[in-house]
């Protein structure tokens, strides 16, 4: 239950959540702020949702070609390794409904007291 800290990993995980659980999400698309918040137009099917996602960890691609352009023996061994997989638990909980007027006010530079 450790939060994901690596940059961009959360977006990949949530992208996989959408692809895998599209039906459970009633096809609702969402936007992720890259930290802790997820936004959707309209409500998701439930106030609490939990998903499990298995992601393949791909190598960094730091292979160093030899002078003739071929890969060294150790690079060949690395490229034959199976990708590691990591399982993530994703919990989505309803927090607040933001009125469209609050968004319009923020976009036009007006302050709102509640949002």
PDB file of N, CA and C in Angstrom:
ATOM      1  N   UNK A   1       0.821  -1.196   0.000  1.00  0.00           N
ATOM      2  CA  UNK A   1       0.000   0.000   0.000  1.00  0.00           C
ATOM      3  C   UNK A   1       0.862   1.256   0.000  1.00  0.00           C
ATOM      4  N   UNK A   2       1.951   1.216  -0.745  1.00  0.00           N
ATOM      5  CA  UNK A   2       2.839   2.364  -0.843  1.00  0.00           C
ATOM      6  C   UNK A   2       2.454   3.191  -2.052  1.00  0.00           C
ATOM      7  N   UNK A   3       2.349   4.517  -1.900  1.00  0.00           N
ATOM      8  CA  UNK A   3       2.025   5.354  -3.061  1.00  0.00           C
ATOM      9  C   UNK A   3       3.119   5.268  -4.121  1.00  0.00           C
ATOM     10  N   UNK A   4       2.743   5.464  -5.356  1.00  0.00           N
ATOM     11  CA  UNK A   4       3.697   5.445  -6.467  1.00  0.00           C
ATOM     12  C   UNK A   4       4.387   6.795  -6.518  1.00  0.00           C
ATOM     13  N   UNK A   5       5.726   6.791  -6.460  1.00  0.00           N
ATOM     14  CA  UNK A   5       6.471   8.043  -6.459  1.00  0.00           C
ATOM     15  C   UNK A   5       7.138   8.356  -7.794  1.00  0.00           C
ATOM     16  N   UNK A   6       7.454   7.334  -8.569  1.00  0.00           N
ATOM     17  CA  UNK A   6       8.164   7.561  -9.823  1.00  0.00           C
ATOM     18  C   UNK A   6       7.312   8.393 -10.778  1.00  0.00           C
ATOM     19  N   UNK A   7       7.957   9.368 -11.393  1.00  0.00           N
ATOM     20  CA  UNK A   7       7.236  10.283 -12.276  1.00  0.00           C
ATOM     21  C   UNK A   7       6.654   9.546 -13.487  1.00  0.00           C
ATOM     22  N   UNK A   8       5.390   9.774 -13.747  1.00  0.00           N
ATOM     23  CA  UNK A   8       4.737   9.191 -14.912  1.00  0.00           C
ATOM     24  C   UNK A   8       4.187   7.793 -14.709  1.00  0.00           C
ATOM     25  N   UNK A   9       4.614   7.108 -13.649  1.00  0.00           N
ATOM     26  CA  UNK A   9       4.153   5.740 -13.419  1.00  0.00           C
ATOM     27  C   UNK A   9       2.668   5.733 -13.080  1.00  0.00           C
ATOM     28  N   UNK A  10       2.230   6.678 -12.267  1.00  0.00           N
ATOM     29  CA  UNK A  10       0.817   6.763 -11.896  1.00  0.00           C
ATOM     30  C   UNK A  10      -0.079   6.901 -13.111  1.00  0.00           C
ATOM     31  N   UNK A  11       0.348   7.702 -14.076  1.00  0.00           N
ATOM     32  CA  UNK A  11      -0.441   7.882 -15.304  1.00  0.00           C
ATOM     33  C   UNK A  11      -0.539   6.572 -16.084  1.00  0.00           C
ATOM     34  N   UNK A  12       0.571   5.853 -16.153  1.00  0.00           N
ATOM     35  CA  UNK A  12       0.560   4.565 -16.867  1.00  0.00           C
ATOM     36  C   UNK A  12      -0.355   3.572 -16.161  1.00  0.00           C
ATOM     37  N   UNK A  13      -0.290   3.563 -14.835  1.00  0.00           N
ATOM     38  CA  UNK A  13      -1.130   2.643 -14.064  1.00  0.00           C
ATOM     39  C   UNK A  13      -2.599   2.982 -14.277  1.00  0.00           C
ATOM     40  N   UNK A  14      -2.954   4.266 -14.191  1.00  0.00           N
ATOM     41  CA  UNK A  14      -4.354   4.653 -14.376  1.00  0.00           C
ATOM     42  C   UNK A  14      -4.817   4.431 -15.813  1.00  0.00           C
ATOM     43  N   UNK A  15      -3.916   4.571 -16.768  1.00  0.00           N
ATOM     44  CA  UNK A  15      -4.255   4.244 -18.153  1.00  0.00           C
ATOM     45  C   UNK A  15      -4.595   2.767 -18.286  1.00  0.00           C
ATOM     46  N   UNK A  16      -3.825   1.935 -17.586  1.00  0.00           N
ATOM     47  CA  UNK A  16      -4.089   0.497 -17.601  1.00  0.00           C
ATOM     48  C   UNK A  16      -5.387   0.172 -16.867  1.00  0.00           C
ATOM     49  N   UNK A  17      -5.679   0.905 -15.783  1.00  0.00           N
ATOM     50  CA  UNK A  17      -6.954   0.724 -15.076  1.00  0.00           C
ATOM     51  C   UNK A  17      -8.096   0.963 -16.047  1.00  0.00           C
ATOM     52  N   UNK A  18      -8.019   2.055 -16.803  1.00  0.00           N
ATOM     53  CA  UNK A  18      -9.103   2.368 -17.737  1.00  0.00           C
ATOM     54  C   UNK A  18      -9.236   1.276 -18.799  1.00  0.00           C
ATOM     55  N   UNK A  19      -8.122   0.871 -19.384  1.00  0.00           N
ATOM     56  CA  UNK A  19      -8.175  -0.142 -20.442  1.00  0.00           C
ATOM     57  C   UNK A  19      -8.717  -1.475 -19.924  1.00  0.00           C
ATOM     58  N   UNK A  20      -8.323  -1.854 -18.733  1.00  0.00           N
ATOM     59  CA  UNK A  20      -8.724  -3.144 -18.179  1.00  0.00           C
ATOM     60  C   UNK A  20     -10.143  -3.133 -17.620  1.00  0.00           C
ATOM     61  N   UNK A  21     -10.520  -2.027 -16.984  1.00  0.00           N
ATOM     62  CA  UNK A  21     -11.792  -1.981 -16.251  1.00  0.00           C
ATOM     63  C   UNK A  21     -12.790  -0.986 -16.840  1.00  0.00           C
ATOM     64  N   UNK A  22     -12.695  -0.742 -18.120  1.00  0.00           N
ATOM     65  CA  UNK A  22     -13.581   0.198 -18.816  1.00  0.00           C
ATOM     66  C   UNK A  22     -15.063  -0.060 -18.522  1.00  0.00           C
ATOM     67  N   UNK A  23     -15.445  -1.321 -18.539  1.00  0.00           N
ATOM     68  CA  UNK A  23     -16.845  -1.683 -18.298  1.00  0.00           C
ATOM     69  C   UNK A  23     -17.267  -1.328 -16.877  1.00  0.00           C
ATOM     70  N   UNK A  24     -16.411  -1.657 -15.896  1.00  0.00           N
ATOM     71  CA  UNK A  24     -16.723  -1.351 -14.500  1.00  0.00           C
ATOM     72  C   UNK A  24     -16.790   0.153 -14.254  1.00  0.00           C
ATOM     73  N   UNK A  25     -16.086   0.926 -15.080  1.00  0.00           N
ATOM     74  CA  UNK A  25     -16.096   2.387 -14.971  1.00  0.00           C
ATOM     75  C   UNK A  25     -17.207   3.000 -15.817  1.00  0.00           C
ATOM     76  N   UNK A  26     -18.049   2.162 -16.381  1.00  0.00           N
ATOM     77  CA  UNK A  26     -19.155   2.593 -17.246  1.00  0.00           C
ATOM     78  C   UNK A  26     -18.643   3.435 -18.413  1.00  0.00           C
ATOM     79  N   UNK A  27     -17.414   3.137 -18.855  1.00  0.00           N
ATOM     80  CA  UNK A  27     -16.828   3.857 -19.979  1.00  0.00           C
ATOM     81  C   UNK A  27     -16.477   5.301 -19.684  1.00  0.00           C
ATOM     82  N   UNK A  28     -16.571   5.720 -18.420  1.00  0.00           N
ATOM     83  CA  UNK A  28     -16.277   7.116 -18.046  1.00  0.00           C
ATOM     84  C   UNK A  28     -14.786   7.374 -18.131  1.00  0.00           C
ATOM     85  N   UNK A  29     -14.422   8.339 -18.909  1.00  0.00           N
ATOM     86  CA  UNK A  29     -13.029   8.776 -18.979  1.00  0.00           C
ATOM     87  C   UNK A  29     -12.742   9.658 -17.777  1.00  0.00           C
ATOM     88  N   UNK A  30     -11.475   9.759 -17.419  1.00  0.00           N
ATOM     89  CA  UNK A  30     -11.109  10.616 -16.302  1.00  0.00           C
ATOM     90  C   UNK A  30      -9.779  11.289 -16.578  1.00  0.00           C
ATOM     91  N   UNK A  31      -9.500  12.322 -15.811  1.00  0.00           N
ATOM     92  CA  UNK A  31      -8.230  13.042 -15.906  1.00  0.00           C
ATOM     93  C   UNK A  31      -7.524  12.904 -14.564  1.00  0.00           C
ATOM     94  N   UNK A  32      -6.221  12.689 -14.616  1.00  0.00           N
ATOM     95  CA  UNK A  32      -5.412  12.493 -13.409  1.00  0.00           C
ATOM     96  C   UNK A  32      -4.449  13.657 -13.299  1.00  0.00           C
ATOM     97  N   UNK A  33      -4.326  14.238 -12.108  1.00  0.00           N
ATOM     98  CA  UNK A  33      -3.455  15.399 -11.930  1.00  0.00           C
ATOM     99  C   UNK A  33      -1.988  15.027 -11.718  1.00  0.00           C
ATOM    100  N   UNK A  34      -1.670  13.748 -11.738  1.00  0.00           N
ATOM    101  CA  UNK A  34      -0.286  13.320 -11.574  1.00  0.00           C
ATOM    102  C   UNK A  34       0.113  13.129 -10.121  1.00  0.00           C
ATOM    103  N   UNK A  35      -0.787  13.441  -9.210  1.00  0.00           N
ATOM    104  CA  UNK A  35      -0.475  13.282  -7.790  1.00  0.00           C
ATOM    105  C   UNK A  35      -1.499  12.386  -7.106  1.00  0.00           C
ATOM    106  N   UNK A  36      -2.584  12.994  -6.589  1.00  0.00           N
ATOM    107  CA  UNK A  36      -3.562  12.196  -5.849  1.00  0.00           C
ATOM    108  C   UNK A  36      -4.987  12.348  -6.352  1.00  0.00           C
ATOM    109  N   UNK A  37      -5.237  13.286  -7.255  1.00  0.00           N
ATOM    110  CA  UNK A  37      -6.618  13.589  -7.644  1.00  0.00           C
ATOM    111  C   UNK A  37      -6.953  13.094  -9.040  1.00  0.00           C
ATOM    112  N   UNK A  38      -8.197  12.639  -9.150  1.00  0.00           N
ATOM    113  CA  UNK A  38      -8.740  12.133 -10.403  1.00  0.00           C
ATOM    114  C   UNK A  38     -10.048  12.868 -10.637  1.00  0.00           C
ATOM    115  N   UNK A  39     -10.276  13.316 -11.852  1.00  0.00           N
ATOM    116  CA  UNK A  39     -11.476  14.089 -12.166  1.00  0.00           C
ATOM    117  C   UNK A  39     -12.235  13.406 -13.287  1.00  0.00           C
ATOM    118  N   UNK A  40     -13.560  13.415 -13.183  1.00  0.00           N
ATOM    119  CA  UNK A  40     -14.393  12.877 -14.257  1.00  0.00           C
ATOM    120  C   UNK A  40     -15.571  13.815 -14.470  1.00  0.00           C
ATOM    121  N   UNK A  41     -16.102  13.803 -15.683  1.00  0.00           N
ATOM    122  CA  UNK A  41     -17.316  14.569 -15.960  1.00  0.00           C
ATOM    123  C   UNK A  41     -18.468  13.646 -15.600  1.00  0.00           C
ATOM    124  N   UNK A  42     -19.151  13.974 -14.555  1.00  0.00           N
ATOM    125  CA  UNK A  42     -20.217  13.107 -14.060  1.00  0.00           C
ATOM    126  C   UNK A  42     -19.660  12.067 -13.112  1.00  0.00           C
ATOM    127  N   UNK A  43     -20.542  11.427 -12.375  1.00  0.00           N
ATOM    128  CA  UNK A  43     -20.095  10.469 -11.356  1.00  0.00           C
ATOM    129  C   UNK A  43     -19.632   9.142 -11.951  1.00  0.00           C
ATOM    130  N   UNK A  44     -18.705   8.508 -11.244  1.00  0.00           N
ATOM    131  CA  UNK A  44     -18.327   7.139 -11.571  1.00  0.00           C
ATOM    132  C   UNK A  44     -19.420   6.228 -11.003  1.00  0.00           C
ATOM    133  N   UNK A  45     -19.477   4.969 -11.410  1.00  0.00           N
ATOM    134  CA  UNK A  45     -20.577   4.092 -10.996  1.00  0.00           C
ATOM    135  C   UNK A  45     -20.736   3.909  -9.480  1.00  0.00           C
ATOM    136  N   UNK A  46     -19.636   4.005  -8.731  1.00  0.00           N
ATOM    137  CA  UNK A  46     -19.691   3.807  -7.277  1.00  0.00           C
ATOM    138  C   UNK A  46     -18.814   4.854  -6.599  1.00  0.00           C
ATOM    139  N   UNK A  47     -19.098   5.143  -5.324  1.00  0.00           N
ATOM    140  CA  UNK A  47     -18.291   6.111  -4.578  1.00  0.00           C
ATOM    141  C   UNK A  47     -16.932   5.557  -4.174  1.00  0.00           C
ATOM    142  N   UNK A  48     -16.811   4.235  -4.102  1.00  0.00           N
ATOM    143  CA  UNK A  48     -15.540   3.576  -3.783  1.00  0.00           C
ATOM    144  C   UNK A  48     -15.293   2.488  -4.813  1.00  0.00           C
ATOM    145  N   UNK A  49     -14.128   2.535  -5.421  1.00  0.00           N
ATOM    146  CA  UNK A  49     -13.755   1.519  -6.410  1.00  0.00           C
ATOM    147  C   UNK A  49     -12.347   1.031  -6.088  1.00  0.00           C
ATOM    148  N   UNK A  50     -12.100  -0.260  -6.247  1.00  0.00           N
ATOM    149  CA  UNK A  50     -10.760  -0.812  -6.067  1.00  0.00           C
ATOM    150  C   UNK A  50     -10.432  -1.708  -7.248  1.00  0.00           C
ATOM    151  N   UNK A  51      -9.213  -1.551  -7.743  1.00  0.00           N
ATOM    152  CA  UNK A  51      -8.771  -2.315  -8.899  1.00  0.00           C
ATOM    153  C   UNK A  51      -7.375  -2.861  -8.641  1.00  0.00           C
ATOM    154  N   UNK A  52      -7.052  -3.958  -9.292  1.00  0.00           N
ATOM    155  CA  UNK A  52      -5.704  -4.511  -9.263  1.00  0.00           C
ATOM    156  C   UNK A  52      -5.174  -4.471 -10.687  1.00  0.00           C
ATOM    157  N   UNK A  53      -3.968  -3.945 -10.828  1.00  0.00           N
ATOM    158  CA  UNK A  53      -3.352  -3.811 -12.145  1.00  0.00           C
ATOM    159  C   UNK A  53      -1.973  -4.454 -12.096  1.00  0.00           C
ATOM    160  N   UNK A  54      -1.664  -5.262 -13.091  1.00  0.00           N
ATOM    161  CA  UNK A  54      -0.342  -5.865 -13.206  1.00  0.00           C
ATOM    162  C   UNK A  54       0.370  -5.177 -14.361  1.00  0.00           C
ATOM    163  N   UNK A  55       1.509  -4.582 -14.052  1.00  0.00           N
ATOM    164  CA  UNK A  55       2.279  -3.853 -15.063  1.00  0.00           C
ATOM    165  C   UNK A  55       3.611  -4.560 -15.293  1.00  0.00           C
ATOM    166  N   UNK A  56       4.039  -4.583 -16.539  1.00  0.00           N
ATOM    167  CA  UNK A  56       5.363  -5.104 -16.865  1.00  0.00           C
ATOM    168  C   UNK A  56       6.360  -3.980 -16.702  1.00  0.00           C
ATOM    169  N   UNK A  57       7.432  -4.273 -16.007  1.00  0.00           N
ATOM    170  CA  UNK A  57       8.498  -3.285 -15.872  1.00  0.00           C
ATOM    171  C   UNK A  57       9.477  -3.536 -16.999  1.00  0.00           C
ATOM    172  N   UNK A  58       9.546  -2.580 -17.882  1.00  0.00           N
ATOM    173  CA  UNK A  58      10.416  -2.727 -19.035  1.00  0.00           C
ATOM    174  C   UNK A  58      11.787  -2.212 -18.659  1.00  0.00           C
ATOM    175  N   UNK A  59      12.830  -2.819 -19.258  1.00  0.00           N
ATOM    176  CA  UNK A  59      14.194  -2.378 -18.989  1.00  0.00           C
ATOM    177  C   UNK A  59      14.410  -0.950 -19.437  1.00  0.00           C
ATOM    178  N   UNK A  60      15.507  -0.364 -18.986  1.00  0.00           N
ATOM    179  CA  UNK A  60      15.782   1.032 -19.306  1.00  0.00           C
ATOM    180  C   UNK A  60      16.295   1.203 -20.720  1.00  0.00           C
ATOM    181  N   UNK A  61      16.689   0.116 -21.353  1.00  0.00           N
ATOM    182  CA  UNK A  61      17.194   0.229 -22.717  1.00  0.00           C
ATOM    183  C   UNK A  61      18.620   0.735 -22.762  1.00  0.00           C
ATOM    184  N   UNK A  62      19.340   0.636 -21.648  1.00  0.00           N
ATOM    185  CA  UNK A  62      20.716   1.121 -21.593  1.00  0.00           C
ATOM    186  C   UNK A  62      21.680   0.071 -22.120  1.00  0.00           C
ATOM    187  N   UNK A  63      21.480  -0.324 -23.343  1.00  0.00           N
ATOM    188  CA  UNK A  63      22.387  -1.295 -23.945  1.00  0.00           C
ATOM    189  C   UNK A  63      23.483  -0.533 -24.669  1.00  0.00           C
ATOM    190  N   UNK A  64      24.704  -1.015 -24.521  1.00  0.00           N
ATOM    191  CA  UNK A  64      25.814  -0.312 -25.150  1.00  0.00           C
ATOM    192  C   UNK A  64      26.344  -1.123 -26.319  1.00  0.00           C
ATOM    193  N   UNK A  65      26.160  -0.635 -27.539  1.00  0.00           N
ATOM    194  CA  UNK A  65      26.653  -1.380 -28.694  1.00  0.00           C
ATOM    195  C   UNK A  65      28.173  -1.369 -28.748  1.00  0.00           C
ATOM    196  N   UNK A  66      28.723  -2.442 -29.284  1.00  0.00           N
ATOM    197  CA  UNK A  66      30.164  -2.518 -29.503  1.00  0.00           C
ATOM    198  C   UNK A  66      30.529  -1.567 -30.644  1.00  0.00           C
ATOM    199  N   UNK A  67      31.805  -1.444 -30.929  1.00  0.00           N
ATOM    200  CA  UNK A  67      32.260  -0.529 -31.975  1.00  0.00           C
ATOM    201  C   UNK A  67      31.645  -0.869 -33.330  1.00  0.00           C
ATOM    202  N   UNK A  68      31.391  -2.169 -33.582  1.00  0.00           N
ATOM    203  CA  UNK A  68      30.808  -2.559 -34.869  1.00  0.00           C
ATOM    204  C   UNK A  68      29.280  -2.489 -34.864  1.00  0.00           C
ATOM    205  N   UNK A  69      28.683  -2.001 -33.762  1.00  0.00           N
ATOM    206  CA  UNK A  69      27.229  -1.853 -33.701  1.00  0.00           C
ATOM    207  C   UNK A  69      26.509  -3.049 -33.105  1.00  0.00           C
ATOM    208  N   UNK A  70      27.243  -4.153 -32.856  1.00  0.00           N
ATOM    209  CA  UNK A  70      26.587  -5.327 -32.275  1.00  0.00           C
ATOM    210  C   UNK A  70      26.477  -5.160 -30.758  1.00  0.00           C
ATOM    211  N   UNK A  71      25.639  -5.978 -30.157  1.00  0.00           N
ATOM    212  CA  UNK A  71      25.472  -5.919 -28.706  1.00  0.00           C
ATOM    213  C   UNK A  71      26.490  -6.828 -28.037  1.00  0.00           C
ATOM    214  N   UNK A  72      26.966  -6.417 -26.869  1.00  0.00           N
ATOM    215  CA  UNK A  72      27.914  -7.251 -26.137  1.00  0.00           C
ATOM    216  C   UNK A  72      27.188  -8.482 -25.595  1.00  0.00           C
ATOM    217  N   UNK A  73      27.953  -9.468 -25.118  1.00  0.00           N
ATOM    218  CA  UNK A  73      27.361 -10.702 -24.600  1.00  0.00           C
ATOM    219  C   UNK A  73      26.446 -10.422 -23.404  1.00  0.00           C
ATOM    220  N   UNK A  74      26.863  -9.524 -22.515  1.00  0.00           N
ATOM    221  CA  UNK A  74      26.028  -9.223 -21.339  1.00  0.00           C
ATOM    222  C   UNK A  74      24.729  -8.530 -21.758  1.00  0.00           C
ATOM    223  N   UNK A  75      24.767  -7.707 -22.811  1.00  0.00           N
ATOM    224  CA  UNK A  75      23.548  -7.061 -23.298  1.00  0.00           C
ATOM    225  C   UNK A  75      22.593  -8.088 -23.897  1.00  0.00           C
ATOM    226  N   UNK A  76      23.140  -9.095 -24.581  1.00  0.00           N
ATOM    227  CA  UNK A  76      22.289 -10.156 -25.127  1.00  0.00           C
ATOM    228  C   UNK A  76      21.590 -10.904 -24.001  1.00  0.00           C
ATOM    229  N   UNK A  77      22.324 -11.178 -22.913  1.00  0.00           N
ATOM    230  CA  UNK A  77      21.722 -11.870 -21.771  1.00  0.00           C
ATOM    231  C   UNK A  77      20.609 -11.022 -21.167  1.00  0.00           C
ATOM    232  N   UNK A  78      20.859  -9.720 -21.027  1.00  0.00           N
ATOM    233  CA  UNK A  78      19.844  -8.829 -20.454  1.00  0.00           C
ATOM    234  C   UNK A  78      18.610  -8.770 -21.335  1.00  0.00           C
ATOM    235  N   UNK A  79      18.797  -8.734 -22.652  1.00  0.00           N
ATOM    236  CA  UNK A  79      17.651  -8.604 -23.548  1.00  0.00           C
ATOM    237  C   UNK A  79      16.805  -9.876 -23.578  1.00  0.00           C
ATOM    238  N   UNK A  80      17.390 -11.024 -23.177  1.00  0.00           N
ATOM    239  CA  UNK A  80      16.630 -12.271 -23.145  1.00  0.00           C
ATOM    240  C   UNK A  80      15.854 -12.445 -21.849  1.00  0.00           C
ATOM    241  N   UNK A  81      16.159 -11.629 -20.844  1.00  0.00           N
ATOM    242  CA  UNK A  81      15.455 -11.747 -19.563  1.00  0.00           C
ATOM    243  C   UNK A  81      13.986 -11.438 -19.723  1.00  0.00           C
ATOM    244  N   UNK A  82      13.187 -12.148 -18.977  1.00  0.00           N
ATOM    245  CA  UNK A  82      11.750 -11.873 -18.995  1.00  0.00           C
ATOM    246  C   UNK A  82      11.491 -10.574 -18.247  1.00  0.00           C
ATOM    247  N   UNK A  83      10.534  -9.819 -18.721  1.00  0.00           N
ATOM    248  CA  UNK A  83      10.237  -8.575 -18.009  1.00  0.00           C
ATOM    249  C   UNK A  83       9.651  -8.878 -16.630  1.00  0.00           C
ATOM    250  N   UNK A  84      10.025  -8.069 -15.655  1.00  0.00           N
ATOM    251  CA  UNK A  84       9.462  -8.209 -14.317  1.00  0.00           C
ATOM    252  C   UNK A  84       8.059  -7.624 -14.321  1.00  0.00           C
ATOM    253  N   UNK A  85       7.202  -8.180 -13.513  1.00  0.00           N
ATOM    254  CA  UNK A  85       5.867  -7.607 -13.387  1.00  0.00           C
ATOM    255  C   UNK A  85       5.687  -7.115 -11.962  1.00  0.00           C
ATOM    256  N   UNK A  86       4.871  -6.100 -11.831  1.00  0.00           N
ATOM    257  CA  UNK A  86       4.582  -5.544 -10.520  1.00  0.00           C
ATOM    258  C   UNK A  86       3.078  -5.344 -10.431  1.00  0.00           C
ATOM    259  N   UNK A  87       2.518  -5.691  -9.288  1.00  0.00           N
ATOM    260  CA  UNK A  87       1.079  -5.563  -9.079  1.00  0.00           C
ATOM    261  C   UNK A  87       0.795  -4.322  -8.249  1.00  0.00           C
ATOM    262  N   UNK A  88      -0.159  -3.540  -8.706  1.00  0.00           N
ATOM    263  CA  UNK A  88      -0.566  -2.319  -8.009  1.00  0.00           C
ATOM    264  C   UNK A  88      -2.031  -2.423  -7.623  1.00  0.00           C
ATOM    265  N   UNK A  89      -2.351  -1.942  -6.436  1.00  0.00           N
ATOM    266  CA  UNK A  89      -3.744  -1.820  -6.014  1.00  0.00           C
ATOM    267  C   UNK A  89      -4.121  -0.354  -6.155  1.00  0.00           C
ATOM    268  N   UNK A  90      -5.204  -0.098  -6.861  1.00  0.00           N
ATOM    269  CA  UNK A  90      -5.659   1.271  -7.101  1.00  0.00           C
ATOM    270  C   UNK A  90      -7.013   1.446  -6.427  1.00  0.00           C
ATOM    271  N   UNK A  91      -7.104   2.433  -5.550  1.00  0.00           N
ATOM    272  CA  UNK A  91      -8.369   2.745  -4.881  1.00  0.00           C
ATOM    273  C   UNK A  91      -8.819   4.126  -5.332  1.00  0.00           C
ATOM    274  N   UNK A  92     -10.058   4.217  -5.783  1.00  0.00           N
ATOM    275  CA  UNK A  92     -10.644   5.496  -6.198  1.00  0.00           C
ATOM    276  C   UNK A  92     -11.830   5.755  -5.278  1.00  0.00           C
ATOM    277  N   UNK A  93     -11.768   6.861  -4.559  1.00  0.00           N
ATOM    278  CA  UNK A  93     -12.832   7.234  -3.621  1.00  0.00           C
ATOM    279  C   UNK A  93     -13.398   8.592  -3.997  1.00  0.00           C
ATOM    280  N   UNK A  94     -14.711   8.699  -4.004  1.00  0.00           N
ATOM    281  CA  UNK A  94     -15.361   9.980  -4.274  1.00  0.00           C
ATOM    282  C   UNK A  94     -15.006  10.951  -3.158  1.00  0.00           C
ATOM    283  N   UNK A  95     -14.658  12.183  -3.534  1.00  0.00           N
ATOM    284  CA  UNK A  95     -14.313  13.182  -2.531  1.00  0.00           C
ATOM    285  C   UNK A  95     -15.251  14.380  -2.578  1.00  0.00           C
ATOM    286  N   UNK A  96     -15.447  14.945  -3.759  1.00  0.00           N
ATOM    287  CA  UNK A  96     -16.284  16.144  -3.845  1.00  0.00           C
ATOM    288  C   UNK A  96     -16.811  16.319  -5.255  1.00  0.00           C
ATOM    289  N   UNK A  97     -17.941  16.986  -5.324  1.00  0.00           N
ATOM    290  CA  UNK A  97     -18.512  17.368  -6.610  1.00  0.00           C
ATOM    291  C   UNK A  97     -18.170  18.841  -6.804  1.00  0.00           C
ATOM    292  N   UNK A  98     -17.514  19.149  -7.899  1.00  0.00           N
ATOM    293  CA  UNK A  98     -17.112  20.529  -8.167  1.00  0.00           C
ATOM    294  C   UNK A  98     -18.083  21.119  -9.178  1.00  0.00           C
ATOM    295  N   UNK A  99     -18.799  22.178  -8.794  1.00  0.00           N
ATOM    296  CA  UNK A  99     -19.749  22.790  -9.733  1.00  0.00           C
ATOM    297  C   UNK A  99     -19.020  23.394 -10.939  1.00  0.00           C
ATOM    298  N   UNK A 100     -19.621  23.264 -12.099  1.00  0.00           N
ATOM    299  CA  UNK A 100     -19.024  23.830 -13.313  1.00  0.00           C
ATOM    300  C   UNK A 100     -18.828  25.333 -13.177  1.00  0.00           C
ATOM    301  N   UNK A 101     -19.703  26.006 -12.418  1.00  0.00           N
ATOM    302  CA  UNK A 101     -19.563  27.453 -12.236  1.00  0.00           C
ATOM    303  C   UNK A 101     -18.252  27.781 -11.525  1.00  0.00           C
ATOM    304  N   UNK A 102     -17.810  26.919 -10.605  1.00  0.00           N
ATOM    305  CA  UNK A 102     -16.539  27.144  -9.913  1.00  0.00           C
ATOM    306  C   UNK A 102     -15.376  27.036 -10.893  1.00  0.00           C
ATOM    307  N   UNK A 103     -15.473  26.110 -11.818  1.00  0.00           N
ATOM    308  CA  UNK A 103     -14.423  25.955 -12.831  1.00  0.00           C
ATOM    309  C   UNK A 103     -14.421  27.167 -13.758  1.00  0.00           C
ATOM    310  N   UNK A 104     -15.601  27.594 -14.189  1.00  0.00           N
ATOM    311  CA  UNK A 104     -15.710  28.771 -15.060  1.00  0.00           C
ATOM    312  C   UNK A 104     -15.158  30.006 -14.355  1.00  0.00           C
ATOM    313  N   UNK A 105     -15.482  30.178 -13.074  1.00  0.00           N
ATOM    314  CA  UNK A 105     -14.961  31.322 -12.314  1.00  0.00           C
ATOM    315  C   UNK A 105     -13.442  31.270 -12.213  1.00  0.00           C
ATOM    316  N   UNK A 106     -12.893  30.093 -11.946  1.00  0.00           N
ATOM    317  CA  UNK A 106     -11.442  29.957 -11.842  1.00  0.00           C
ATOM    318  C   UNK A 106     -10.769  30.275 -13.171  1.00  0.00           C
ATOM    319  N   UNK A 107     -11.358  29.821 -14.266  1.00  0.00           N
ATOM    320  CA  UNK A 107     -10.781  30.083 -15.585  1.00  0.00           C
ATOM    321  C   UNK A 107     -10.828  31.562 -15.950  1.00  0.00           C
ATOM    322  N   UNK A 108     -11.839  32.261 -15.437  1.00  0.00           N
ATOM    323  CA  UNK A 108     -11.939  33.695 -15.740  1.00  0.00           C
ATOM    324  C   UNK A 108     -11.224  34.554 -14.696  1.00  0.00           C
ATOM    325  N   UNK A 109     -10.569  33.905 -13.729  1.00  0.00           N
ATOM    326  CA  UNK A 109      -9.775  34.647 -12.754  1.00  0.00           C
ATOM    327  C   UNK A 109     -10.529  35.084 -11.516  1.00  0.00           C
ATOM    328  N   UNK A 110     -11.764  34.663 -11.359  1.00  0.00           N
ATOM    329  CA  UNK A 110     -12.542  35.020 -10.172  1.00  0.00           C
ATOM    330  C   UNK A 110     -12.323  33.985  -9.074  1.00  0.00           C
ATOM    331  N   UNK A 111     -12.285  34.457  -7.841  1.00  0.00           N
ATOM    332  CA  UNK A 111     -12.123  33.538  -6.714  1.00  0.00           C
ATOM    333  C   UNK A 111     -13.472  33.000  -6.274  1.00  0.00           C
ATOM    334  N   UNK A 112     -13.467  31.781  -5.785  1.00  0.00           N
ATOM    335  CA  UNK A 112     -14.682  31.219  -5.200  1.00  0.00           C
ATOM    336  C   UNK A 112     -14.360  30.801  -3.775  1.00  0.00           C
ATOM    337  N   UNK A 113     -15.335  30.858  -2.904  1.00  0.00           N
ATOM    338  CA  UNK A 113     -15.082  30.548  -1.497  1.00  0.00           C
ATOM    339  C   UNK A 113     -15.001  29.051  -1.232  1.00  0.00           C
ATOM    340  N   UNK A 114     -15.774  28.254  -1.950  1.00  0.00           N
ATOM    341  CA  UNK A 114     -15.837  26.828  -1.644  1.00  0.00           C
ATOM    342  C   UNK A 114     -14.915  25.991  -2.512  1.00  0.00           C
ATOM    343  N   UNK A 115     -14.668  26.402  -3.720  1.00  0.00           N
ATOM    344  CA  UNK A 115     -13.819  25.611  -4.616  1.00  0.00           C
ATOM    345  C   UNK A 115     -12.845  26.497  -5.313  1.00  0.00           C
TER     346      UNK A 115
END
